[in-house]
C-alpha cells in the first residue's frame, strides 16, 4: 500500500508539480489549498506525511503545524516555503517540523525526496 502525503499550498501550480513528482516516486497524494482545509481532510483520512507552505489564507502554515502537533503528534510535517529565514527554520523545528525547504531555484529535489523517505521510515 503506497504511503499517503497531504500537500498544502494555495498555489495550484506548486501542488500540480509536487503531485506529479511524488506520484512518480510511488506516493499517493491529496491536496488542500489552506490550513483550514488541511485540518478538515486530516480529520477524515490517515496520512503518513504533511508537506505545507507557510503563507496561505484562512490558516497559515505556522498555525497548521501547531495544530497538527497538538492533534497528531506523531505525524511528520515538512515545510516547503518561499519565506524561510534562519530564525523561522529554528522556530519551525522547535515547533516540531521534521524538515524545512525553501521553494525556488535552489530547491534540491534529491534532498527533499530523501527527507520525505526519512520522515516516513
PDB file of N, CA and C in Angstrom:
ATOM      1  N   UNK A   1       0.840  -1.181   0.000  1.00  0.00           N
ATOM      2  CA  UNK A   1       0.000   0.000   0.000  1.00  0.00           C
ATOM      3  C   UNK A   1       0.888   1.248   0.000  1.00  0.00           C
ATOM      4  N   UNK A   2       0.648   2.180  -0.941  1.00  0.00           N
ATOM      5  CA  UNK A   2       1.522   3.357  -1.017  1.00  0.00           C
ATOM      6  C   UNK A   2       1.344   4.284   0.178  1.00  0.00           C
ATOM      7  N   UNK A   3       2.414   4.969   0.514  1.00  0.00           N
ATOM      8  CA  UNK A   3       2.371   5.965   1.587  1.00  0.00           C
ATOM      9  C   UNK A   3       1.576   7.171   1.101  1.00  0.00           C
ATOM     10  N   UNK A   4       0.815   7.791   2.033  1.00  0.00           N
ATOM     11  CA  UNK A   4      -0.043   8.920   1.679  1.00  0.00           C
ATOM     12  C   UNK A   4       0.517  10.231   2.199  1.00  0.00           C
ATOM     13  N   UNK A   5       0.544  11.219   1.304  1.00  0.00           N
ATOM     14  CA  UNK A   5       1.057  12.547   1.639  1.00  0.00           C
ATOM     15  C   UNK A   5      -0.041  13.573   1.385  1.00  0.00           C
ATOM     16  N   UNK A   6      -0.227  14.477   2.346  1.00  0.00           N
ATOM     17  CA  UNK A   6      -1.121  15.607   2.164  1.00  0.00           C
ATOM     18  C   UNK A   6      -0.272  16.830   1.831  1.00  0.00           C
ATOM     19  N   UNK A   7      -0.505  17.408   0.659  1.00  0.00           N
ATOM     20  CA  UNK A   7       0.198  18.600   0.210  1.00  0.00           C
ATOM     21  C   UNK A   7      -0.700  19.812   0.442  1.00  0.00           C
ATOM     22  N   UNK A   8      -0.155  20.845   1.091  1.00  0.00           N
ATOM     23  CA  UNK A   8      -0.956  22.019   1.442  1.00  0.00           C
ATOM     24  C   UNK A   8      -0.268  23.269   0.886  1.00  0.00           C
ATOM     25  N   UNK A   9      -0.950  23.936  -0.047  1.00  0.00           N
ATOM     26  CA  UNK A   9      -0.407  25.149  -0.655  1.00  0.00           C
ATOM     27  C   UNK A   9      -1.546  25.871  -1.352  1.00  0.00           C
ATOM     28  N   UNK A  10      -1.489  27.196  -1.387  1.00  0.00           N
ATOM     29  CA  UNK A  10      -2.529  27.948  -2.076  1.00  0.00           C
ATOM     30  C   UNK A  10      -2.197  28.208  -3.540  1.00  0.00           C
ATOM     31  N   UNK A  11      -1.060  27.707  -4.011  1.00  0.00           N
ATOM     32  CA  UNK A  11      -0.673  27.864  -5.416  1.00  0.00           C
ATOM     33  C   UNK A  11      -0.888  26.535  -6.149  1.00  0.00           C
ATOM     34  N   UNK A  12      -1.853  26.518  -7.061  1.00  0.00           N
ATOM     35  CA  UNK A  12      -2.204  25.296  -7.774  1.00  0.00           C
ATOM     36  C   UNK A  12      -1.025  24.755  -8.577  1.00  0.00           C
ATOM     37  N   UNK A  13      -0.199  25.619  -9.147  1.00  0.00           N
ATOM     38  CA  UNK A  13       0.938  25.149  -9.947  1.00  0.00           C
ATOM     39  C   UNK A  13       1.940  24.376  -9.089  1.00  0.00           C
ATOM     40  N   UNK A  14       2.142  24.820  -7.856  1.00  0.00           N
ATOM     41  CA  UNK A  14       3.038  24.113  -6.930  1.00  0.00           C
ATOM     42  C   UNK A  14       2.451  22.742  -6.597  1.00  0.00           C
ATOM     43  N   UNK A  15       1.166  22.723  -6.292  1.00  0.00           N
ATOM     44  CA  UNK A  15       0.510  21.454  -5.964  1.00  0.00           C
ATOM     45  C   UNK A  15       0.596  20.479  -7.123  1.00  0.00           C
ATOM     46  N   UNK A  16       0.296  20.947  -8.324  1.00  0.00           N
ATOM     47  CA  UNK A  16       0.338  20.077  -9.502  1.00  0.00           C
ATOM     48  C   UNK A  16       1.740  19.510  -9.717  1.00  0.00           C
ATOM     49  N   UNK A  17       2.758  20.352  -9.580  1.00  0.00           N
ATOM     50  CA  UNK A  17       4.138  19.904  -9.782  1.00  0.00           C
ATOM     51  C   UNK A  17       4.519  18.825  -8.770  1.00  0.00           C
ATOM     52  N   UNK A  18       4.177  19.040  -7.510  1.00  0.00           N
ATOM     53  CA  UNK A  18       4.567  18.079  -6.484  1.00  0.00           C
ATOM     54  C   UNK A  18       3.722  16.814  -6.508  1.00  0.00           C
ATOM     55  N   UNK A  19       2.459  16.915  -6.876  1.00  0.00           N
ATOM     56  CA  UNK A  19       1.653  15.696  -7.051  1.00  0.00           C
ATOM     57  C   UNK A  19       2.277  14.848  -8.155  1.00  0.00           C
ATOM     58  N   UNK A  20       2.669  15.486  -9.258  1.00  0.00           N
ATOM     59  CA  UNK A  20       3.316  14.755 -10.353  1.00  0.00           C
ATOM     60  C   UNK A  20       4.608  14.088  -9.927  1.00  0.00           C
ATOM     61  N   UNK A  21       5.475  14.846  -9.262  1.00  0.00           N
ATOM     62  CA  UNK A  21       6.766  14.321  -8.806  1.00  0.00           C
ATOM     63  C   UNK A  21       6.585  13.177  -7.815  1.00  0.00           C
ATOM     64  N   UNK A  22       5.753  13.381  -6.815  1.00  0.00           N
ATOM     65  CA  UNK A  22       5.596  12.372  -5.766  1.00  0.00           C
ATOM     66  C   UNK A  22       4.843  11.144  -6.256  1.00  0.00           C
ATOM     67  N   UNK A  23       3.940  11.320  -7.199  1.00  0.00           N
ATOM     68  CA  UNK A  23       3.256  10.169  -7.794  1.00  0.00           C
ATOM     69  C   UNK A  23       4.252   9.285  -8.541  1.00  0.00           C
ATOM     70  N   UNK A  24       5.190   9.915  -9.245  1.00  0.00           N
ATOM     71  CA  UNK A  24       6.236   9.148  -9.939  1.00  0.00           C
ATOM     72  C   UNK A  24       7.102   8.362  -8.956  1.00  0.00           C
ATOM     73  N   UNK A  25       7.224   8.865  -7.737  1.00  0.00           N
ATOM     74  CA  UNK A  25       8.008   8.193  -6.697  1.00  0.00           C
ATOM     75  C   UNK A  25       7.199   7.111  -5.976  1.00  0.00           C
ATOM     76  N   UNK A  26       5.918   6.958  -6.345  1.00  0.00           N
ATOM     77  CA  UNK A  26       5.092   5.901  -5.761  1.00  0.00           C
ATOM     78  C   UNK A  26       4.226   6.320  -4.591  1.00  0.00           C
ATOM     79  N   UNK A  27       4.146   7.621  -4.318  1.00  0.00           N
ATOM     80  CA  UNK A  27       3.326   8.102  -3.215  1.00  0.00           C
ATOM     81  C   UNK A  27       1.919   8.454  -3.696  1.00  0.00           C
ATOM     82  N   UNK A  28       0.954   8.299  -2.798  1.00  0.00           N
ATOM     83  CA  UNK A  28      -0.414   8.739  -3.061  1.00  0.00           C
ATOM     84  C   UNK A  28      -0.565  10.119  -2.437  1.00  0.00           C
ATOM     85  N   UNK A  29      -1.066  11.082  -3.204  1.00  0.00           N
ATOM     86  CA  UNK A  29      -1.146  12.462  -2.722  1.00  0.00           C
ATOM     87  C   UNK A  29      -2.573  12.984  -2.729  1.00  0.00           C
ATOM     88  N   UNK A  30      -2.906  13.731  -1.687  1.00  0.00           N
ATOM     89  CA  UNK A  30      -4.119  14.521  -1.636  1.00  0.00           C
ATOM     90  C   UNK A  30      -3.675  15.966  -1.454  1.00  0.00           C
ATOM     91  N   UNK A  31      -4.562  16.905  -1.783  1.00  0.00           N
ATOM     92  CA  UNK A  31      -4.201  18.316  -1.695  1.00  0.00           C
ATOM     93  C   UNK A  31      -5.204  19.102  -0.869  1.00  0.00           C
ATOM     94  N   UNK A  32      -4.703  20.193  -0.297  1.00  0.00           N
ATOM     95  CA  UNK A  32      -5.538  21.177   0.393  1.00  0.00           C
ATOM     96  C   UNK A  32      -4.986  22.545   0.020  1.00  0.00           C
ATOM     97  N   UNK A  33      -5.878  23.537  -0.082  1.00  0.00           N
ATOM     98  CA  UNK A  33      -5.469  24.865  -0.508  1.00  0.00           C
ATOM     99  C   UNK A  33      -5.173  25.821   0.639  1.00  0.00           C
ATOM    100  N   UNK A  34      -5.413  25.394   1.863  1.00  0.00           N
ATOM    101  CA  UNK A  34      -5.065  26.206   3.034  1.00  0.00           C
ATOM    102  C   UNK A  34      -5.066  25.300   4.262  1.00  0.00           C
ATOM    103  N   UNK A  35      -4.621  25.856   5.380  1.00  0.00           N
ATOM    104  CA  UNK A  35      -4.517  25.064   6.604  1.00  0.00           C
ATOM    105  C   UNK A  35      -5.848  24.583   7.140  1.00  0.00           C
ATOM    106  N   UNK A  36      -6.880  25.390   6.991  1.00  0.00           N
ATOM    107  CA  UNK A  36      -8.210  25.001   7.464  1.00  0.00           C
ATOM    108  C   UNK A  36      -8.702  23.764   6.717  1.00  0.00           C
ATOM    109  N   UNK A  37      -8.574  23.782   5.399  1.00  0.00           N
ATOM    110  CA  UNK A  37      -8.978  22.630   4.596  1.00  0.00           C
ATOM    111  C   UNK A  37      -8.125  21.406   4.939  1.00  0.00           C
ATOM    112  N   UNK A  38      -6.842  21.626   5.194  1.00  0.00           N
ATOM    113  CA  UNK A  38      -5.947  20.518   5.551  1.00  0.00           C
ATOM    114  C   UNK A  38      -6.419  19.839   6.835  1.00  0.00           C
ATOM    115  N   UNK A  39      -6.795  20.613   7.835  1.00  0.00           N
ATOM    116  CA  UNK A  39      -7.269  20.029   9.096  1.00  0.00           C
ATOM    117  C   UNK A  39      -8.562  19.245   8.895  1.00  0.00           C
ATOM    118  N   UNK A  40      -9.437  19.733   8.024  1.00  0.00           N
ATOM    119  CA  UNK A  40     -10.671  19.003   7.726  1.00  0.00           C
ATOM    120  C   UNK A  40     -10.363  17.653   7.072  1.00  0.00           C
ATOM    121  N   UNK A  41      -9.410  17.634   6.164  1.00  0.00           N
ATOM    122  CA  UNK A  41      -9.017  16.392   5.494  1.00  0.00           C
ATOM    123  C   UNK A  41      -8.335  15.445   6.480  1.00  0.00           C
ATOM    124  N   UNK A  42      -7.452  15.982   7.320  1.00  0.00           N
ATOM    125  CA  UNK A  42      -6.755  15.151   8.310  1.00  0.00           C
ATOM    126  C   UNK A  42      -7.717  14.498   9.301  1.00  0.00           C
ATOM    127  N   UNK A  43      -8.838  15.153   9.569  1.00  0.00           N
ATOM    128  CA  UNK A  43      -9.829  14.598  10.496  1.00  0.00           C
ATOM    129  C   UNK A  43     -10.558  13.393   9.885  1.00  0.00           C
ATOM    130  N   UNK A  44     -10.549  13.295   8.557  1.00  0.00           N
ATOM    131  CA  UNK A  44     -11.292  12.231   7.876  1.00  0.00           C
ATOM    132  C   UNK A  44     -10.419  11.069   7.401  1.00  0.00           C
ATOM    133  N   UNK A  45      -9.155  11.345   7.101  1.00  0.00           N
ATOM    134  CA  UNK A  45      -8.294  10.336   6.473  1.00  0.00           C
ATOM    135  C   UNK A  45      -6.944  10.269   7.174  1.00  0.00           C
ATOM    136  N   UNK A  46      -6.298   9.112   7.053  1.00  0.00           N
ATOM    137  CA  UNK A  46      -4.960   8.924   7.624  1.00  0.00           C
ATOM    138  C   UNK A  46      -3.897   9.273   6.591  1.00  0.00           C
ATOM    139  N   UNK A  47      -2.854   9.946   7.034  1.00  0.00           N
ATOM    140  CA  UNK A  47      -1.722  10.293   6.174  1.00  0.00           C
ATOM    141  C   UNK A  47      -0.427   9.904   6.867  1.00  0.00           C
ATOM    142  N   UNK A  48       0.606   9.700   6.063  1.00  0.00           N
ATOM    143  CA  UNK A  48       1.931   9.372   6.577  1.00  0.00           C
ATOM    144  C   UNK A  48       2.819  10.604   6.700  1.00  0.00           C
ATOM    145  N   UNK A  49       2.411  11.709   6.014  1.00  0.00           N
ATOM    146  CA  UNK A  49       3.236  12.912   5.989  1.00  0.00           C
ATOM    147  C   UNK A  49       2.392  14.085   5.507  1.00  0.00           C
ATOM    148  N   UNK A  50       2.705  15.276   6.018  1.00  0.00           N
ATOM    149  CA  UNK A  50       2.132  16.526   5.509  1.00  0.00           C
ATOM    150  C   UNK A  50       3.285  17.392   5.023  1.00  0.00           C
ATOM    151  N   UNK A  51       3.133  17.940   3.819  1.00  0.00           N
ATOM    152  CA  UNK A  51       4.077  18.928   3.297  1.00  0.00           C
ATOM    153  C   UNK A  51       3.277  20.212   3.115  1.00  0.00           C
ATOM    154  N   UNK A  52       3.695  21.280   3.794  1.00  0.00           N
ATOM    155  CA  UNK A  52       2.908  22.509   3.757  1.00  0.00           C
ATOM    156  C   UNK A  52       3.730  23.755   3.479  1.00  0.00           C
ATOM    157  N   UNK A  53       3.074  24.679   2.833  1.00  0.00           N
ATOM    158  CA  UNK A  53       3.572  26.030   2.647  1.00  0.00           C
ATOM    159  C   UNK A  53       3.317  26.794   3.952  1.00  0.00           C
ATOM    160  N   UNK A  54       3.886  27.972   4.099  1.00  0.00           N
ATOM    161  CA  UNK A  54       3.643  28.786   5.297  1.00  0.00           C
ATOM    162  C   UNK A  54       2.623  29.891   5.049  1.00  0.00           C
ATOM    163  N   UNK A  55       2.778  30.614   3.947  1.00  0.00           N
ATOM    164  CA  UNK A  55       1.926  31.772   3.680  1.00  0.00           C
ATOM    165  C   UNK A  55       0.696  31.324   2.891  1.00  0.00           C
ATOM    166  N   UNK A  56      -0.442  31.223   3.606  1.00  0.00           N
ATOM    167  CA  UNK A  56      -1.694  30.785   2.998  1.00  0.00           C
ATOM    168  C   UNK A  56      -2.850  31.510   3.674  1.00  0.00           C
ATOM    169  N   UNK A  57      -3.999  31.605   2.988  1.00  0.00           N
ATOM    170  CA  UNK A  57      -5.172  32.220   3.615  1.00  0.00           C
ATOM    171  C   UNK A  57      -5.805  31.294   4.653  1.00  0.00           C
ATOM    172  N   UNK A  58      -6.699  31.833   5.429  1.00  0.00           N
ATOM    173  CA  UNK A  58      -7.530  31.145   6.427  1.00  0.00           C
ATOM    174  C   UNK A  58      -6.747  30.620   7.613  1.00  0.00           C
ATOM    175  N   UNK A  59      -5.787  29.738   7.387  1.00  0.00           N
ATOM    176  CA  UNK A  59      -4.950  29.197   8.461  1.00  0.00           C
ATOM    177  C   UNK A  59      -3.568  28.983   7.856  1.00  0.00           C
ATOM    178  N   UNK A  60      -2.568  29.747   8.312  1.00  0.00           N
ATOM    179  CA  UNK A  60      -1.253  29.657   7.676  1.00  0.00           C
ATOM    180  C   UNK A  60      -0.481  28.416   8.134  1.00  0.00           C
ATOM    181  N   UNK A  61       0.672  28.206   7.549  1.00  0.00           N
ATOM    182  CA  UNK A  61       1.464  27.021   7.839  1.00  0.00           C
ATOM    183  C   UNK A  61       2.005  26.951   9.252  1.00  0.00           C
ATOM    184  N   UNK A  62       2.313  28.107   9.853  1.00  0.00           N
ATOM    185  CA  UNK A  62       2.762  28.120  11.249  1.00  0.00           C
ATOM    186  C   UNK A  62       1.649  27.590  12.156  1.00  0.00           C
ATOM    187  N   UNK A  63       0.427  28.105  11.923  1.00  0.00           N
ATOM    188  CA  UNK A  63      -0.727  27.678  12.720  1.00  0.00           C
ATOM    189  C   UNK A  63      -1.076  26.220  12.439  1.00  0.00           C
ATOM    190  N   UNK A  64      -0.971  25.825  11.181  1.00  0.00           N
ATOM    191  CA  UNK A  64      -1.262  24.440  10.817  1.00  0.00           C
ATOM    192  C   UNK A  64      -0.293  23.489  11.516  1.00  0.00           C
ATOM    193  N   UNK A  65       0.991  23.795  11.496  1.00  0.00           N
ATOM    194  CA  UNK A  65       1.982  22.960  12.174  1.00  0.00           C
ATOM    195  C   UNK A  65       1.644  22.827  13.657  1.00  0.00           C
ATOM    196  N   UNK A  66       1.312  23.936  14.294  1.00  0.00           N
ATOM    197  CA  UNK A  66       0.972  23.914  15.715  1.00  0.00           C
ATOM    198  C   UNK A  66      -0.229  22.996  15.986  1.00  0.00           C
ATOM    199  N   UNK A  67      -1.268  23.104  15.170  1.00  0.00           N
ATOM    200  CA  UNK A  67      -2.471  22.281  15.354  1.00  0.00           C
ATOM    201  C   UNK A  67      -2.196  20.807  15.070  1.00  0.00           C
ATOM    202  N   UNK A  68      -1.409  20.523  14.024  1.00  0.00           N
ATOM    203  CA  UNK A  68      -1.072  19.125  13.722  1.00  0.00           C
ATOM    204  C   UNK A  68      -0.311  18.504  14.885  1.00  0.00           C
ATOM    205  N   UNK A  69       0.630  19.221  15.440  1.00  0.00           N
ATOM    206  CA  UNK A  69       1.432  18.677  16.534  1.00  0.00           C
ATOM    207  C   UNK A  69       0.600  18.471  17.798  1.00  0.00           C
ATOM    208  N   UNK A  70      -0.465  19.259  17.957  1.00  0.00           N
ATOM    209  CA  UNK A  70      -1.377  19.055  19.088  1.00  0.00           C
ATOM    210  C   UNK A  70      -2.286  17.850  18.841  1.00  0.00           C
ATOM    211  N   UNK A  71      -2.836  17.758  17.638  1.00  0.00           N
ATOM    212  CA  UNK A  71      -3.836  16.727  17.328  1.00  0.00           C
ATOM    213  C   UNK A  71      -3.233  15.396  16.875  1.00  0.00           C
ATOM    214  N   UNK A  72      -2.128  15.462  16.145  1.00  0.00           N
ATOM    215  CA  UNK A  72      -1.492  14.262  15.566  1.00  0.00           C
ATOM    216  C   UNK A  72       0.021  14.342  15.809  1.00  0.00           C
ATOM    217  N   UNK A  73       0.450  14.208  17.060  1.00  0.00           N
ATOM    218  CA  UNK A  73       1.864  14.472  17.393  1.00  0.00           C
ATOM    219  C   UNK A  73       2.878  13.595  16.653  1.00  0.00           C
ATOM    220  N   UNK A  74       2.466  12.420  16.203  1.00  0.00           N
ATOM    221  CA  UNK A  74       3.403  11.529  15.513  1.00  0.00           C
ATOM    222  C   UNK A  74       3.479  11.780  14.007  1.00  0.00           C
ATOM    223  N   UNK A  75       2.589  12.616  13.469  1.00  0.00           N
ATOM    224  CA  UNK A  75       2.542  12.870  12.030  1.00  0.00           C
ATOM    225  C   UNK A  75       3.663  13.838  11.642  1.00  0.00           C
ATOM    226  N   UNK A  76       4.602  13.393  10.792  1.00  0.00           N
ATOM    227  CA  UNK A  76       5.683  14.300  10.391  1.00  0.00           C
ATOM    228  C   UNK A  76       5.186  15.383   9.438  1.00  0.00           C
ATOM    229  N   UNK A  77       5.772  16.570   9.595  1.00  0.00           N
ATOM    230  CA  UNK A  77       5.425  17.718   8.757  1.00  0.00           C
ATOM    231  C   UNK A  77       6.708  18.291   8.168  1.00  0.00           C
ATOM    232  N   UNK A  78       6.704  18.456   6.847  1.00  0.00           N
ATOM    233  CA  UNK A  78       7.807  19.116   6.152  1.00  0.00           C
ATOM    234  C   UNK A  78       7.300  20.459   5.650  1.00  0.00           C
ATOM    235  N   UNK A  79       8.077  21.514   5.914  1.00  0.00           N
ATOM    236  CA  UNK A  79       7.731  22.857   5.468  1.00  0.00           C
ATOM    237  C   UNK A  79       8.424  23.116   4.135  1.00  0.00           C
ATOM    238  N   UNK A  80       7.649  23.613   3.173  1.00  0.00           N
ATOM    239  CA  UNK A  80       8.174  23.968   1.851  1.00  0.00           C
ATOM    240  C   UNK A  80       7.654  25.365   1.547  1.00  0.00           C
ATOM    241  N   UNK A  81       8.509  26.375   1.704  1.00  0.00           N
ATOM    242  CA  UNK A  81       8.029  27.757   1.638  1.00  0.00           C
ATOM    243  C   UNK A  81       9.044  28.679   0.991  1.00  0.00           C
ATOM    244  N   UNK A  82       8.544  29.771   0.479  1.00  0.00           N
ATOM    245  CA  UNK A  82       9.409  30.793  -0.097  1.00  0.00           C
ATOM    246  C   UNK A  82       9.787  31.873   0.893  1.00  0.00           C
ATOM    247  N   UNK A  83       9.321  31.779   2.135  1.00  0.00           N
ATOM    248  CA  UNK A  83       9.581  32.847   3.116  1.00  0.00           C
ATOM    249  C   UNK A  83      10.393  32.353   4.318  1.00  0.00           C
ATOM    250  N   UNK A  84      11.282  31.426   4.095  1.00  0.00           N
ATOM    251  CA  UNK A  84      12.080  30.891   5.204  1.00  0.00           C
ATOM    252  C   UNK A  84      13.276  31.780   5.502  1.00  0.00           C
ATOM    253  N   UNK A  85      13.605  31.877   6.773  1.00  0.00           N
ATOM    254  CA  UNK A  85      14.818  32.546   7.232  1.00  0.00           C
ATOM    255  C   UNK A  85      15.458  31.633   8.273  1.00  0.00           C
ATOM    256  N   UNK A  86      16.666  31.960   8.678  1.00  0.00           N
ATOM    257  CA  UNK A  86      17.340  31.160   9.698  1.00  0.00           C
ATOM    258  C   UNK A  86      16.474  31.075  10.958  1.00  0.00           C
ATOM    259  N   UNK A  87      15.893  32.203  11.367  1.00  0.00           N
ATOM    260  CA  UNK A  87      15.094  32.228  12.590  1.00  0.00           C
ATOM    261  C   UNK A  87      13.797  31.441  12.433  1.00  0.00           C
ATOM    262  N   UNK A  88      13.138  31.578  11.275  1.00  0.00           N
ATOM    263  CA  UNK A  88      11.880  30.844  11.104  1.00  0.00           C
ATOM    264  C   UNK A  88      12.140  29.341  11.051  1.00  0.00           C
ATOM    265  N   UNK A  89      13.236  28.911  10.444  1.00  0.00           N
ATOM    266  CA  UNK A  89      13.568  27.485  10.402  1.00  0.00           C
ATOM    267  C   UNK A  89      13.796  26.971  11.826  1.00  0.00           C
ATOM    268  N   UNK A  90      14.541  27.723  12.605  1.00  0.00           N
ATOM    269  CA  UNK A  90      14.809  27.345  14.001  1.00  0.00           C
ATOM    270  C   UNK A  90      13.494  27.232  14.774  1.00  0.00           C
ATOM    271  N   UNK A  91      12.605  28.217  14.612  1.00  0.00           N
ATOM    272  CA  UNK A  91      11.311  28.204  15.301  1.00  0.00           C
ATOM    273  C   UNK A  91      10.446  27.034  14.838  1.00  0.00           C
ATOM    274  N   UNK A  92      10.410  26.785  13.537  1.00  0.00           N
ATOM    275  CA  UNK A  92       9.588  25.702  12.996  1.00  0.00           C
ATOM    276  C   UNK A  92      10.074  24.340  13.495  1.00  0.00           C
ATOM    277  N   UNK A  93      11.382  24.149  13.546  1.00  0.00           N
ATOM    278  CA  UNK A  93      11.911  22.883  14.059  1.00  0.00           C
ATOM    279  C   UNK A  93      11.610  22.733  15.553  1.00  0.00           C
ATOM    280  N   UNK A  94      11.661  23.842  16.282  1.00  0.00           N
ATOM    281  CA  UNK A  94      11.307  23.797  17.704  1.00  0.00           C
ATOM    282  C   UNK A  94       9.833  23.438  17.886  1.00  0.00           C
ATOM    283  N   UNK A  95       8.992  23.834  16.942  1.00  0.00           N
ATOM    284  CA  UNK A  95       7.564  23.506  16.978  1.00  0.00           C
ATOM    285  C   UNK A  95       7.296  22.074  16.528  1.00  0.00           C
ATOM    286  N   UNK A  96       8.281  21.403  15.971  1.00  0.00           N
ATOM    287  CA  UNK A  96       8.099  20.013  15.590  1.00  0.00           C
ATOM    288  C   UNK A  96       8.171  19.710  14.109  1.00  0.00           C
ATOM    289  N   UNK A  97       8.553  20.690  13.286  1.00  0.00           N
ATOM    290  CA  UNK A  97       8.711  20.414  11.853  1.00  0.00           C
ATOM    291  C   UNK A  97       9.839  19.404  11.661  1.00  0.00           C
ATOM    292  N   UNK A  98       9.605  18.416  10.804  1.00  0.00           N
ATOM    293  CA  UNK A  98      10.621  17.403  10.534  1.00  0.00           C
ATOM    294  C   UNK A  98      11.773  17.997   9.722  1.00  0.00           C
ATOM    295  N   UNK A  99      11.425  18.855   8.753  1.00  0.00           N
ATOM    296  CA  UNK A  99      12.428  19.494   7.898  1.00  0.00           C
ATOM    297  C   UNK A  99      11.812  20.733   7.271  1.00  0.00           C
ATOM    298  N   UNK A 100      12.682  21.635   6.792  1.00  0.00           N
ATOM    299  CA  UNK A 100      12.238  22.860   6.137  1.00  0.00           C
ATOM    300  C   UNK A 100      13.028  23.038   4.842  1.00  0.00           C
ATOM    301  N   UNK A 101      12.307  23.372   3.773  1.00  0.00           N
ATOM    302  CA  UNK A 101      12.931  23.603   2.474  1.00  0.00           C
ATOM    303  C   UNK A 101      12.393  24.892   1.880  1.00  0.00           C
ATOM    304  N   UNK A 102      13.274  25.603   1.170  1.00  0.00           N
ATOM    305  CA  UNK A 102      12.865  26.835   0.507  1.00  0.00           C
ATOM    306  C   UNK A 102      12.475  26.524  -0.932  1.00  0.00           C
ATOM    307  N   UNK A 103      11.304  27.035  -1.328  1.00  0.00           N
ATOM    308  CA  UNK A 103      10.850  26.901  -2.711  1.00  0.00           C
ATOM    309  C   UNK A 103      11.774  27.689  -3.617  1.00  0.00           C
ATOM    310  N   UNK A 104      11.796  27.305  -4.863  1.00  0.00           N
ATOM    311  CA  UNK A 104      12.528  28.098  -5.847  1.00  0.00           C
ATOM    312  C   UNK A 104      13.660  27.341  -6.486  1.00  0.00           C
ATOM    313  N   UNK A 105      14.496  28.101  -7.161  1.00  0.00           N
ATOM    314  CA  UNK A 105      15.577  27.524  -7.960  1.00  0.00           C
ATOM    315  C   UNK A 105      16.609  26.776  -7.126  1.00  0.00           C
ATOM    316  N   UNK A 106      16.720  27.113  -5.849  1.00  0.00           N
ATOM    317  CA  UNK A 106      17.734  26.461  -5.013  1.00  0.00           C
ATOM    318  C   UNK A 106      17.225  25.168  -4.373  1.00  0.00           C
ATOM    319  N   UNK A 107      15.956  24.822  -4.594  1.00  0.00           N
ATOM    320  CA  UNK A 107      15.401  23.605  -4.001  1.00  0.00           C
ATOM    321  C   UNK A 107      16.086  22.376  -4.594  1.00  0.00           C
ATOM    322  N   UNK A 108      16.684  21.575  -3.738  1.00  0.00           N
ATOM    323  CA  UNK A 108      17.341  20.332  -4.146  1.00  0.00           C
ATOM    324  C   UNK A 108      16.319  19.202  -4.008  1.00  0.00           C
ATOM    325  N   UNK A 109      15.769  18.763  -5.139  1.00  0.00           N
ATOM    326  CA  UNK A 109      14.722  17.738  -5.110  1.00  0.00           C
ATOM    327  C   UNK A 109      15.216  16.421  -4.529  1.00  0.00           C
ATOM    328  N   UNK A 110      16.474  16.087  -4.761  1.00  0.00           N
ATOM    329  CA  UNK A 110      17.012  14.842  -4.200  1.00  0.00           C
ATOM    330  C   UNK A 110      17.045  14.889  -2.680  1.00  0.00           C
ATOM    331  N   UNK A 111      17.420  16.035  -2.114  1.00  0.00           N
ATOM    332  CA  UNK A 111      17.417  16.184  -0.654  1.00  0.00           C
ATOM    333  C   UNK A 111      16.000  16.149  -0.114  1.00  0.00           C
ATOM    334  N   UNK A 112      15.072  16.796  -0.825  1.00  0.00           N
ATOM    335  CA  UNK A 112      13.671  16.775  -0.407  1.00  0.00           C
ATOM    336  C   UNK A 112      13.137  15.357  -0.423  1.00  0.00           C
ATOM    337  N   UNK A 113      13.371  14.615  -1.494  1.00  0.00           N
ATOM    338  CA  UNK A 113      12.882  13.232  -1.583  1.00  0.00           C
ATOM    339  C   UNK A 113      13.509  12.359  -0.495  1.00  0.00           C
ATOM    340  N   UNK A 114      14.784  12.582  -0.184  1.00  0.00           N
ATOM    341  CA  UNK A 114      15.425  11.815   0.888  1.00  0.00           C
ATOM    342  C   UNK A 114      14.776  12.117   2.242  1.00  0.00           C
ATOM    343  N   UNK A 115      14.454  13.388   2.486  1.00  0.00           N
ATOM    344  CA  UNK A 115      13.790  13.752   3.750  1.00  0.00           C
ATOM    345  C   UNK A 115      12.383  13.164   3.821  1.00  0.00           C
ATOM    346  N   UNK A 116      11.694  13.145   2.678  1.00  0.00           N
ATOM    347  CA  UNK A 116      10.349  12.555   2.640  1.00  0.00           C
ATOM    348  C   UNK A 116      10.440  11.079   3.013  1.00  0.00           C
ATOM    349  N   UNK A 117      11.368  10.366   2.419  1.00  0.00           N
ATOM    350  CA  UNK A 117      11.548   8.937   2.749  1.00  0.00           C
ATOM    351  C   UNK A 117      11.923   8.771   4.206  1.00  0.00           C
ATOM    352  N   UNK A 118      12.802   9.631   4.711  1.00  0.00           N
ATOM    353  CA  UNK A 118      13.229   9.560   6.100  1.00  0.00           C
ATOM    354  C   UNK A 118      12.099   9.851   7.083  1.00  0.00           C
ATOM    355  N   UNK A 119      11.209  10.750   6.704  1.00  0.00           N
ATOM    356  CA  UNK A 119      10.106  11.125   7.587  1.00  0.00           C
ATOM    357  C   UNK A 119       9.109   9.977   7.760  1.00  0.00           C
ATOM    358  N   UNK A 120       8.997   9.151   6.733  1.00  0.00           N
ATOM    359  CA  UNK A 120       8.004   8.077   6.783  1.00  0.00           C
ATOM    360  C   UNK A 120       8.613   6.719   7.122  1.00  0.00           C
ATOM    361  N   UNK A 121       9.902   6.724   7.433  1.00  0.00           N
ATOM    362  CA  UNK A 121      10.557   5.484   7.870  1.00  0.00           C
ATOM    363  C   UNK A 121      10.915   4.565   6.791  1.00  0.00           C
TER     364      UNK A 121
END
